[in-house]
Amino acid sequence: MIEKVQTFMRQHQLLNENSTVLIGVSGGPDSMALLHFFNTIKEVWNLTIIVVSADHQLRGMESLNDLEYVRQVCDKWNIQFVGTSLDVPTYKEEDKLGTQLAARKLRYAFFEEQMYRFNADCLALGHHGDDQVETMLMAFVRSADPASISGIPVTRRFAGGVIVRPFLCLTKDELEMYCRQHQIAPRRDPSNEETIYTRNFFRKQLLPLFKERNRNIHNTVQHLSEALQEDEHFLTDEAAKMVQEIVNVDRKNRKVTFQSTEFSAFPHSLQRRAYHLILNYLYEKLPKNLSYVHERKFFDLLAKSSGNTQIDFPDNLKLKKMYKTFVFSFGDNNKNPTLSPTTIEIPGKINWYGGKVTAFYTEIPDERSDMCYACGSEEVALPLHIRTRRDGDRMYWRGLQGSKKLKDIFIDAKVPLPERDTWPVIVDDNGAVLWLVGLKKGIPARQLENNDTYIQLVFRR
């Protein structure tokens, strides 16, 4: 077994010579076999090994005795030991967590602290091939996320080093046999026999059925897990590049914006991962009631050509589609500020939401750009004003029979609803709309054949 595990470690580059290795040991068969294994190879690899062990205070004196057992073995084998007691019951109640999750969070926080304390290269854990099969089966039952189904990683970055799992190439039976061969008498946790826990149910009821069909199911699943993880890493990296290229992130307001046409141009596998990257950015912690249903609604909306729609996500996150613009934001964070009408001094400059208006008199008007407007100074009622749209606003322009509502102009131009509320509108002192900046240029109600002086307006963002 020792050679089998060392071969697995070399194949996956889990360990380097001269490393400092922390070993997570609970006192059970898996972790005690792991401890014995590393104690056996430490001189060949020139390793510094340190055992870290935690009492979760879930089984009274019994779990405390597990901790003491590991300490005694380390003393006997002359291995440095660091143990602690974690108040899982209190933490569980305060943070409203399940027992297993609460224990895991506190345990890994303890591991992280020790990794930095000893400047360790890696943390070795005793997960084995049967754990891998159980994990992937559980994920398959409860999740529609490919990343979840890919299983336990052989190695991952952790606390300035890495977590390694050299026993993923072995079965539980092999580890039990190893303990017997080396006269290791591990501690047993009675809760591991209770099928009320999901993992125990899969271990006791389902895993034996799979092994009846394939005794090497752990190797088959491990190969699948590694293939899925490699694919997932590559696709996630590509999705991150996609997000960086086309998604606008407003960190201050926790708001994300992108164009549906650009998003849809990428392969669907990247779209799906980009969607999850966006959610991971927006949420500090993913809500439990966030599910594949929200993903399906998102992609249904992405495929539609309807104008303005909204989807509510958990914890007050909202997705608004405004024609081709998608906006993720919380609550009213994306609500536009109220803008008061402002008189335009000529000559003069005025700052407006997202831009600046410059006004001056000229004898040679320039209207070649959509961001320029000119009219005869005698054709309008002065002073001019800049403001936002109002109910009933209409415009006139050359070639138009009658007038048209600003609302309809915005709709025709597919301007998103929030942008309409801050869009600059230039009017004269009688309220006649002269210029819907960047969209439509109107004509004054009074038209003169000859104008000696023009008012020139220029808008710059």
Protein backbone atom coordinates (compact mmCIF):
# COMPACT_ATOMS: atom_id res chain seq x y z
CA MET A 1 0.00 0.00 0.00
CA ILE A 2 2.80 2.41 0.85
CA GLU A 3 4.30 2.13 -2.64
CA LYS A 4 0.85 2.49 -4.22
CA VAL A 5 0.24 5.76 -2.37
CA GLN A 6 3.71 7.10 -3.13
CA THR A 7 3.16 6.39 -6.81
CA PHE A 8 -0.16 8.26 -6.63
CA MET A 9 1.57 11.19 -4.92
CA ARG A 10 4.27 11.36 -7.57
CA GLN A 11 1.72 11.18 -10.40
CA HIS A 12 -0.16 14.13 -8.93
CA GLN A 13 2.91 15.98 -7.59
CA LEU A 14 1.39 16.11 -4.11
CA LEU A 15 4.60 16.32 -2.12
CA ASN A 16 8.14 17.58 -2.39
CA GLU A 17 11.11 16.45 -0.40
CA ASN A 18 12.12 18.59 2.60
CA SER A 19 8.51 19.73 3.14
CA THR A 20 6.73 20.65 6.36
CA VAL A 21 3.52 18.64 6.47
CA LEU A 22 0.59 19.09 8.83
CA ILE A 23 -1.50 15.93 9.21
CA GLY A 24 -5.15 16.20 10.21
CA VAL A 25 -5.78 13.33 12.63
CA SER A 26 -9.07 12.55 14.38
CA GLY A 27 -8.12 9.17 15.79
CA GLY A 28 -10.25 7.18 13.34
CA PRO A 29 -8.92 4.46 10.99
CA ASP A 30 -8.37 6.74 7.99
CA SER A 31 -6.42 9.46 9.76
CA MET A 32 -4.43 7.03 11.91
CA ALA A 33 -3.39 5.15 8.78
CA LEU A 34 -2.41 8.52 7.26
CA LEU A 35 -0.33 9.38 10.31
CA HIS A 36 1.44 5.99 10.24
CA PHE A 37 2.06 6.32 6.50
CA PHE A 38 3.74 9.73 6.82
CA ASN A 39 5.71 8.60 9.83
CA THR A 40 6.97 5.70 7.71
CA ILE A 41 8.10 7.82 4.74
CA LYS A 42 9.29 10.94 6.59
CA GLU A 43 12.99 10.01 6.54
CA VAL A 44 12.94 8.98 2.87
CA TRP A 45 11.31 12.28 1.93
CA ASN A 46 13.08 14.26 4.69
CA LEU A 47 9.77 15.59 6.00
CA THR A 48 8.91 17.61 9.08
CA ILE A 49 5.52 16.32 10.20
CA ILE A 50 3.18 17.92 12.74
CA VAL A 51 -0.15 16.45 13.80
CA VAL A 52 -3.17 18.75 14.21
CA SER A 53 -6.24 17.38 15.96
CA ALA A 54 -9.54 18.91 17.08
CA ASP A 55 -12.19 17.92 19.61
CA HIS A 56 -15.54 19.26 18.34
CA GLN A 57 -17.22 18.91 21.75
CA LEU A 58 -20.07 16.91 20.23
CA ARG A 59 -19.64 13.64 22.16
CA GLY A 60 -18.58 14.80 25.61
CA MET A 61 -15.68 12.91 27.17
CA GLU A 62 -15.65 10.43 24.33
CA SER A 63 -14.45 12.98 21.75
CA LEU A 64 -12.05 14.49 24.29
CA ASN A 65 -10.60 11.01 24.78
CA ASP A 66 -10.12 10.75 21.01
CA LEU A 67 -7.95 13.87 21.20
CA GLU A 68 -5.98 12.46 24.10
CA TYR A 69 -5.49 9.17 22.23
CA VAL A 70 -3.94 10.97 19.26
CA ARG A 71 -1.70 12.94 21.63
CA GLN A 72 -0.45 9.73 23.27
CA VAL A 73 0.31 8.08 19.92
CA CYS A 74 2.26 11.17 18.82
CA ASP A 75 4.25 11.10 22.07
CA LYS A 76 5.00 7.41 21.51
CA TRP A 77 6.11 7.98 17.92
CA ASN A 78 7.97 11.22 18.77
CA ILE A 79 5.78 13.41 16.54
CA GLN A 80 4.93 17.03 17.32
CA PHE A 81 1.26 17.41 18.29
CA VAL A 82 -1.11 20.39 18.37
CA GLY A 83 -4.62 19.82 19.69
CA THR A 84 -7.60 22.01 20.45
CA SER A 85 -11.22 21.90 21.57
CA LEU A 86 -13.75 23.65 19.34
CA ASP A 87 -17.10 24.83 20.67
CA VAL A 88 -19.15 23.56 17.75
CA PRO A 89 -22.50 23.44 19.65
CA THR A 90 -22.39 27.17 20.45
CA TYR A 91 -21.12 28.16 17.01
CA LYS A 92 -23.82 26.03 15.40
CA GLU A 93 -26.59 27.81 17.30
CA GLU A 94 -25.20 31.33 16.85
CA ASP A 95 -24.72 30.98 13.09
CA LYS A 96 -27.77 28.75 12.47
CA LEU A 97 -25.68 26.04 10.81
CA GLY A 98 -25.98 22.28 10.58
CA THR A 99 -23.73 20.22 12.82
CA GLN A 100 -21.44 18.94 10.07
CA LEU A 101 -21.01 22.35 8.43
CA ALA A 102 -20.35 24.11 11.73
CA ALA A 103 -17.74 21.52 12.68
CA ARG A 104 -16.06 21.78 9.29
CA LYS A 105 -15.85 25.58 9.41
CA LEU A 106 -14.24 25.65 12.84
CA ARG A 107 -11.93 22.74 12.03
CA TYR A 108 -10.61 24.32 8.86
CA ALA A 109 -10.16 27.66 10.63
CA PHE A 110 -7.96 25.84 13.16
CA PHE A 111 -6.05 24.12 10.35
CA GLU A 112 -5.50 27.45 8.60
CA GLU A 113 -4.13 29.03 11.76
CA GLN A 114 -1.63 26.19 12.21
CA MET A 115 -0.57 26.30 8.55
CA TYR A 116 0.53 29.90 8.96
CA ARG A 117 1.99 29.28 12.40
CA PHE A 118 4.36 26.58 11.13
CA ASN A 119 4.76 28.01 7.62
CA ALA A 120 3.72 24.56 6.42
CA ASP A 121 3.88 23.46 2.82
CA CYS A 122 0.81 21.24 2.94
CA LEU A 123 -2.00 19.85 5.03
CA ALA A 124 -2.56 16.12 4.51
CA LEU A 125 -6.07 14.75 5.03
CA GLY A 126 -7.24 11.15 5.05
CA HIS A 127 -10.09 11.21 2.52
CA HIS A 128 -10.13 7.95 0.56
CA GLY A 129 -11.64 6.56 -2.62
CA ASP A 130 -14.93 5.54 -0.97
CA ASP A 131 -15.32 9.13 0.30
CA GLN A 132 -14.89 10.29 -3.29
CA VAL A 133 -17.62 7.98 -4.58
CA GLU A 134 -19.99 9.04 -1.80
CA THR A 135 -19.30 12.72 -2.40
CA MET A 136 -19.98 12.55 -6.12
CA LEU A 137 -23.14 10.49 -5.64
CA MET A 138 -24.44 12.96 -3.06
CA ALA A 139 -23.67 15.89 -5.36
CA PHE A 140 -25.42 14.17 -8.24
CA VAL A 141 -28.58 13.76 -6.13
CA ARG A 142 -28.75 17.30 -4.77
CA SER A 143 -27.00 19.55 -7.30
CA ALA A 144 -27.21 20.57 -10.93
CA ASP A 145 -23.84 22.34 -10.84
CA PRO A 146 -21.05 20.55 -12.78
CA ALA A 147 -18.45 21.98 -10.40
CA SER A 148 -20.14 20.28 -7.43
CA ILE A 149 -20.36 16.94 -9.20
CA SER A 150 -16.61 16.92 -9.92
CA GLY A 151 -15.89 15.66 -6.40
CA ILE A 152 -13.08 16.06 -3.86
CA PRO A 153 -9.90 17.58 -5.35
CA VAL A 154 -6.66 15.67 -4.90
CA THR A 155 -5.02 18.98 -4.07
CA ARG A 156 -6.07 22.60 -3.65
CA ARG A 157 -4.53 25.83 -2.42
CA PHE A 158 -4.95 26.52 1.28
CA ALA A 159 -3.46 28.97 3.78
CA GLY A 160 -0.28 29.73 1.86
CA GLY A 161 0.23 26.08 0.95
CA VAL A 162 -1.92 23.22 -0.31
CA ILE A 163 -4.25 20.55 0.96
CA VAL A 164 -3.29 17.07 -0.26
CA ARG A 165 -5.28 13.84 -0.15
CA PRO A 166 -2.92 10.96 -0.95
CA PHE A 167 -5.44 8.25 0.03
CA LEU A 168 -7.94 8.93 -2.76
CA CYS A 169 -6.40 5.96 -4.56
CA LEU A 170 -7.43 3.58 -1.74
CA THR A 171 -10.65 2.06 -0.41
CA LYS A 172 -11.90 2.10 3.14
CA ASP A 173 -11.26 -1.65 3.35
CA GLU A 174 -7.62 -1.18 2.36
CA LEU A 175 -7.13 1.35 5.15
CA GLU A 176 -8.80 -0.92 7.71
CA MET A 177 -6.49 -3.74 6.62
CA TYR A 178 -3.47 -1.43 6.86
CA CYS A 179 -4.39 -0.59 10.46
CA ARG A 180 -4.67 -4.26 11.35
CA GLN A 181 -1.34 -5.10 9.69
CA HIS A 182 0.46 -2.40 11.67
CA GLN A 183 -1.40 -3.08 14.92
CA ILE A 184 -3.05 0.33 14.97
CA ALA A 185 -6.13 0.41 17.23
CA PRO A 186 -8.09 3.45 15.99
CA ARG A 187 -10.93 5.17 17.80
CA ARG A 188 -14.48 4.72 16.47
CA ASP A 189 -17.12 7.43 16.24
CA PRO A 190 -20.56 5.82 16.85
CA SER A 191 -22.27 8.57 14.82
CA ASN A 192 -20.66 7.12 11.69
CA GLU A 193 -23.12 4.23 11.95
CA GLU A 194 -26.22 6.43 12.06
CA THR A 195 -27.95 6.65 8.67
CA ILE A 196 -29.79 9.84 9.65
CA TYR A 197 -26.71 11.61 8.29
CA THR A 198 -26.81 11.83 4.50
CA ARG A 199 -23.26 10.63 3.93
CA ASN A 200 -23.75 7.62 6.21
CA PHE A 201 -26.87 6.66 4.27
CA PHE A 202 -24.95 6.70 1.00
CA ARG A 203 -22.06 4.80 2.64
CA LYS A 204 -24.24 2.08 4.19
CA GLN A 205 -27.05 1.71 1.69
CA LEU A 206 -25.83 2.72 -1.78
CA LEU A 207 -22.07 2.28 -2.00
CA PRO A 208 -22.23 -1.52 -1.45
CA LEU A 209 -24.59 -1.81 -4.43
CA PHE A 210 -22.14 -0.01 -6.70
CA LYS A 211 -19.27 -2.18 -5.47
CA GLU A 212 -21.23 -5.30 -6.34
CA ARG A 213 -21.12 -4.18 -9.97
CA ASN A 214 -17.59 -2.76 -9.94
CA ARG A 215 -15.07 -3.54 -7.21
CA ASN A 216 -12.82 -0.80 -8.59
CA ILE A 217 -15.52 1.85 -8.60
CA HIS A 218 -13.24 4.13 -6.54
CA ASN A 219 -10.62 4.15 -9.32
CA THR A 220 -13.24 4.73 -12.00
CA VAL A 221 -14.79 7.61 -10.07
CA GLN A 222 -11.40 9.11 -9.21
CA HIS A 223 -10.46 9.16 -12.89
CA LEU A 224 -13.81 10.81 -13.69
CA SER A 225 -13.34 13.34 -10.89
CA GLU A 226 -9.92 14.41 -12.15
CA ALA A 227 -11.16 14.74 -15.73
CA LEU A 228 -14.15 16.82 -14.64
CA GLN A 229 -11.98 19.06 -12.46
CA GLU A 230 -9.47 19.67 -15.26
CA ASP A 231 -12.29 20.60 -17.65
CA GLU A 232 -13.92 22.77 -14.99
CA HIS A 233 -10.71 24.66 -14.25
CA PHE A 234 -10.16 25.41 -17.92
CA LEU A 235 -13.75 26.50 -18.56
CA THR A 236 -13.85 28.62 -15.42
CA ASP A 237 -10.66 30.42 -16.47
CA GLU A 238 -12.17 31.08 -19.90
CA ALA A 239 -15.39 32.33 -18.31
CA ALA A 240 -13.37 34.68 -16.10
CA LYS A 241 -11.77 36.13 -19.24
CA MET A 242 -15.24 36.51 -20.75
CA VAL A 243 -16.48 38.39 -17.69
CA GLN A 244 -13.45 40.65 -17.70
CA GLU A 245 -14.01 41.42 -21.39
CA ILE A 246 -17.74 42.22 -21.52
CA VAL A 247 -19.06 42.74 -17.96
CA ASN A 248 -18.97 46.16 -16.29
CA VAL A 249 -18.57 45.94 -12.52
CA ASP A 250 -19.52 48.82 -10.21
CA ARG A 251 -17.79 47.75 -7.00
CA LYS A 252 -19.02 50.70 -4.98
CA ASN A 253 -22.69 49.90 -5.56
CA ARG A 254 -22.29 46.12 -6.01
CA LYS A 255 -23.78 46.36 -9.46
CA VAL A 256 -23.03 44.43 -12.66
CA THR A 257 -24.02 45.44 -16.18
CA PHE A 258 -23.58 43.78 -19.57
CA GLN A 259 -25.11 43.65 -23.05
CA SER A 260 -27.13 40.54 -23.87
CA THR A 261 -25.85 40.40 -27.45
CA GLU A 262 -22.23 40.29 -26.28
CA PHE A 263 -23.00 37.76 -23.54
CA SER A 264 -24.90 35.46 -25.93
CA ALA A 265 -22.06 35.49 -28.45
CA PHE A 266 -20.01 33.15 -26.21
CA PRO A 267 -20.53 29.36 -25.97
CA HIS A 268 -23.28 28.37 -23.58
CA SER A 269 -20.86 26.52 -21.29
CA LEU A 270 -19.00 29.81 -20.71
CA GLN A 271 -22.23 31.78 -20.36
CA ARG A 272 -23.36 29.48 -17.56
CA ARG A 273 -20.07 29.77 -15.68
CA ALA A 274 -19.96 33.53 -16.22
CA TYR A 275 -23.44 33.74 -14.69
CA HIS A 276 -22.19 31.91 -11.59
CA LEU A 277 -19.04 34.06 -11.40
CA ILE A 278 -21.24 37.16 -11.40
CA LEU A 279 -23.37 35.76 -8.57
CA ASN A 280 -20.28 34.80 -6.59
CA TYR A 281 -19.05 38.38 -6.95
CA LEU A 282 -22.36 39.98 -5.94
CA TYR A 283 -23.19 37.74 -3.00
CA GLU A 284 -20.90 37.70 0.03
CA LYS A 285 -22.37 34.25 0.67
CA LEU A 286 -24.55 32.36 -1.79
CA PRO A 287 -28.10 32.01 -0.39
CA LYS A 288 -29.38 28.51 0.26
CA ASN A 289 -32.53 29.22 -1.77
CA LEU A 290 -30.53 30.20 -4.86
CA SER A 291 -31.10 27.29 -7.25
CA TYR A 292 -31.00 26.12 -10.83
CA VAL A 293 -34.50 27.63 -11.20
CA HIS A 294 -32.96 31.11 -11.09
CA GLU A 295 -30.38 30.03 -13.65
CA ARG A 296 -33.11 28.79 -15.95
CA LYS A 297 -35.05 32.06 -15.60
CA PHE A 298 -31.89 34.00 -16.39
CA PHE A 299 -31.26 32.12 -19.63
CA ASP A 300 -34.94 32.26 -20.59
CA LEU A 301 -34.73 36.03 -20.23
CA LEU A 302 -31.47 36.16 -22.17
CA ALA A 303 -33.18 34.42 -25.09
CA LYS A 304 -36.17 36.77 -25.19
CA SER A 305 -36.34 39.94 -27.22
CA SER A 306 -38.92 41.64 -24.97
CA GLY A 307 -38.21 45.18 -23.83
CA ASN A 308 -38.14 45.56 -20.04
CA THR A 309 -38.36 42.70 -17.55
CA GLN A 310 -37.22 42.00 -14.00
CA ILE A 311 -36.35 38.82 -12.08
CA ASP A 312 -36.10 38.76 -8.28
CA PHE A 313 -33.23 36.75 -6.80
CA PRO A 314 -32.78 35.88 -3.10
CA ASP A 315 -31.62 38.53 -0.61
CA ASN A 316 -33.02 41.46 -2.60
CA LEU A 317 -30.82 40.94 -5.66
CA LYS A 318 -32.65 41.97 -8.80
CA LEU A 319 -31.93 41.33 -12.45
CA LYS A 320 -33.35 43.93 -14.79
CA LYS A 321 -33.39 43.52 -18.53
CA MET A 322 -33.80 46.79 -20.42
CA TYR A 323 -33.81 45.82 -24.08
CA LYS A 324 -30.25 44.56 -24.62
CA THR A 325 -28.90 45.77 -21.28
CA PHE A 326 -28.81 43.41 -18.26
CA VAL A 327 -28.31 44.90 -14.80
CA PHE A 328 -27.74 42.93 -11.57
CA SER A 329 -28.09 45.11 -8.47
CA PHE A 330 -29.37 45.03 -4.92
CA GLY A 331 -32.59 46.82 -4.00
CA ASP A 332 -32.62 50.39 -5.24
CA ASN A 333 -28.84 50.74 -5.56
CA ASN A 334 -29.26 51.47 -9.25
CA LYS A 335 -31.95 54.08 -8.73
CA ASN A 336 -31.00 57.29 -10.54
CA PRO A 337 -30.68 60.55 -8.66
CA THR A 338 -33.33 63.26 -8.97
CA LEU A 339 -32.08 66.04 -11.23
CA SER A 340 -33.44 69.58 -11.03
CA PRO A 341 -33.96 71.72 -14.14
CA THR A 342 -30.98 74.03 -14.71
CA THR A 343 -30.79 77.25 -16.72
CA ILE A 344 -28.17 77.29 -19.47
CA GLU A 345 -26.04 80.42 -19.43
CA ILE A 346 -24.79 81.55 -22.86
CA PRO A 347 -21.85 81.42 -23.01
CA GLY A 348 -21.39 78.89 -20.25
CA LYS A 349 -20.90 75.28 -19.17
CA ILE A 350 -23.15 73.01 -17.10
CA ASN A 351 -22.35 69.65 -15.58
CA TRP A 352 -25.10 67.10 -16.07
CA TYR A 353 -25.49 63.51 -14.91
CA GLY A 354 -22.80 61.72 -16.94
CA GLY A 355 -21.75 64.69 -19.05
CA LYS A 356 -21.26 68.41 -19.63
CA VAL A 357 -23.13 70.95 -21.81
CA THR A 358 -21.23 73.84 -23.41
CA ALA A 359 -23.22 76.74 -24.86
CA PHE A 360 -22.04 79.73 -26.93
CA TYR A 361 -23.11 82.08 -29.72
CA THR A 362 -21.74 81.59 -33.23
CA GLU A 363 -22.32 82.74 -36.78
CA ILE A 364 -21.35 79.36 -38.23
CA PRO A 365 -23.39 76.59 -36.57
CA ASP A 366 -22.19 72.98 -36.47
CA GLU A 367 -24.68 70.09 -36.33
CA ARG A 368 -22.61 67.37 -37.95
CA SER A 369 -22.52 65.33 -34.73
CA ASP A 370 -25.43 63.84 -32.78
CA MET A 371 -23.87 65.53 -29.76
CA CYS A 372 -24.15 69.03 -31.27
CA TYR A 373 -27.25 71.18 -31.69
CA ALA A 374 -27.78 74.68 -33.10
CA CYS A 375 -30.75 76.99 -33.52
CA GLY A 376 -31.29 80.65 -34.34
CA SER A 377 -31.02 82.86 -31.28
CA GLU A 378 -34.19 84.71 -32.33
CA GLU A 379 -36.18 81.50 -32.89
CA VAL A 380 -36.41 80.39 -29.25
CA ALA A 381 -37.60 81.84 -25.98
CA LEU A 382 -34.58 82.44 -23.76
CA PRO A 383 -33.16 81.34 -21.45
CA LEU A 384 -32.72 77.69 -22.40
CA HIS A 385 -32.90 74.97 -19.77
CA ILE A 386 -31.65 71.42 -19.33
CA ARG A 387 -33.84 68.93 -17.48
CA THR A 388 -35.16 65.37 -17.54
CA ARG A 389 -38.28 64.18 -19.37
CA ARG A 390 -41.77 65.00 -18.15
CA ASP A 391 -45.13 63.42 -18.79
CA GLY A 392 -46.57 64.77 -22.01
CA ASP A 393 -43.25 65.96 -23.48
CA ARG A 394 -43.41 66.00 -27.30
CA MET A 395 -41.04 66.98 -30.09
CA TYR A 396 -41.26 68.36 -33.61
CA TRP A 397 -38.66 67.89 -36.32
CA ARG A 398 -38.35 68.34 -40.02
CA GLY A 399 -40.24 65.79 -42.08
CA LEU A 400 -42.43 64.67 -39.16
CA GLN A 401 -46.17 64.96 -39.57
CA GLY A 402 -47.26 66.43 -36.26
CA SER A 403 -45.28 65.65 -33.10
CA LYS A 404 -44.06 62.62 -31.20
CA LYS A 405 -43.88 61.76 -27.51
CA LEU A 406 -40.44 61.51 -25.93
CA LYS A 407 -41.60 58.24 -24.41
CA ASP A 408 -42.08 56.75 -27.88
CA ILE A 409 -38.71 58.07 -29.05
CA PHE A 410 -37.01 56.30 -26.14
CA ILE A 411 -38.89 53.09 -26.91
CA ASP A 412 -37.96 53.21 -30.59
CA ALA A 413 -34.31 53.76 -29.65
CA LYS A 414 -34.50 50.95 -27.04
CA VAL A 415 -33.14 53.17 -24.29
CA PRO A 416 -33.21 51.33 -20.91
CA LEU A 417 -35.77 52.66 -18.42
CA PRO A 418 -33.29 53.92 -15.77
CA GLU A 419 -31.35 55.87 -18.41
CA ARG A 420 -34.50 57.66 -19.55
CA ASP A 421 -34.89 59.24 -16.11
CA THR A 422 -31.54 61.06 -16.38
CA TRP A 423 -31.43 61.63 -20.13
CA PRO A 424 -30.71 65.31 -20.87
CA VAL A 425 -33.54 67.24 -22.50
CA ILE A 426 -32.96 70.81 -23.78
CA VAL A 427 -36.01 73.10 -23.75
CA ASP A 428 -36.61 76.82 -24.26
CA ASP A 429 -38.25 79.06 -21.67
CA ASN A 430 -41.71 78.12 -22.95
CA GLY A 431 -41.01 74.42 -22.36
CA ALA A 432 -40.68 73.53 -26.05
CA VAL A 433 -38.39 70.50 -26.44
CA LEU A 434 -35.51 71.42 -28.75
CA TRP A 435 -33.05 68.59 -28.33
CA LEU A 436 -33.22 65.10 -26.90
CA VAL A 437 -29.45 64.92 -26.59
CA GLY A 438 -27.85 62.30 -28.80
CA LEU A 439 -31.19 60.94 -30.05
CA LYS A 440 -33.30 63.55 -31.79
CA LYS A 441 -32.93 67.20 -32.82
CA GLY A 442 -36.09 69.25 -32.86
CA ILE A 443 -36.96 72.54 -34.50
CA PRO A 444 -38.20 75.67 -32.75
CA ALA A 445 -41.87 76.53 -33.22
CA ARG A 446 -40.80 79.85 -34.74
CA GLN A 447 -38.73 79.47 -37.93
CA LEU A 448 -36.81 82.35 -39.50
CA GLU A 449 -35.41 82.29 -43.03
CA ASN A 450 -32.22 84.11 -42.07
CA ASN A 451 -30.42 83.99 -38.75
CA ASP A 452 -27.45 86.24 -38.05
CA THR A 453 -26.55 84.56 -34.79
CA TYR A 454 -26.97 80.97 -33.66
CA ILE A 455 -26.90 79.29 -30.29
CA GLN A 456 -24.48 76.36 -30.41
CA LEU A 457 -24.80 73.54 -27.85
CA VAL A 458 -22.27 70.74 -27.43
CA PHE A 459 -22.70 67.76 -25.08
CA ARG A 460 -19.69 65.73 -23.99
CA ARG A 461 -19.59 62.69 -21.69
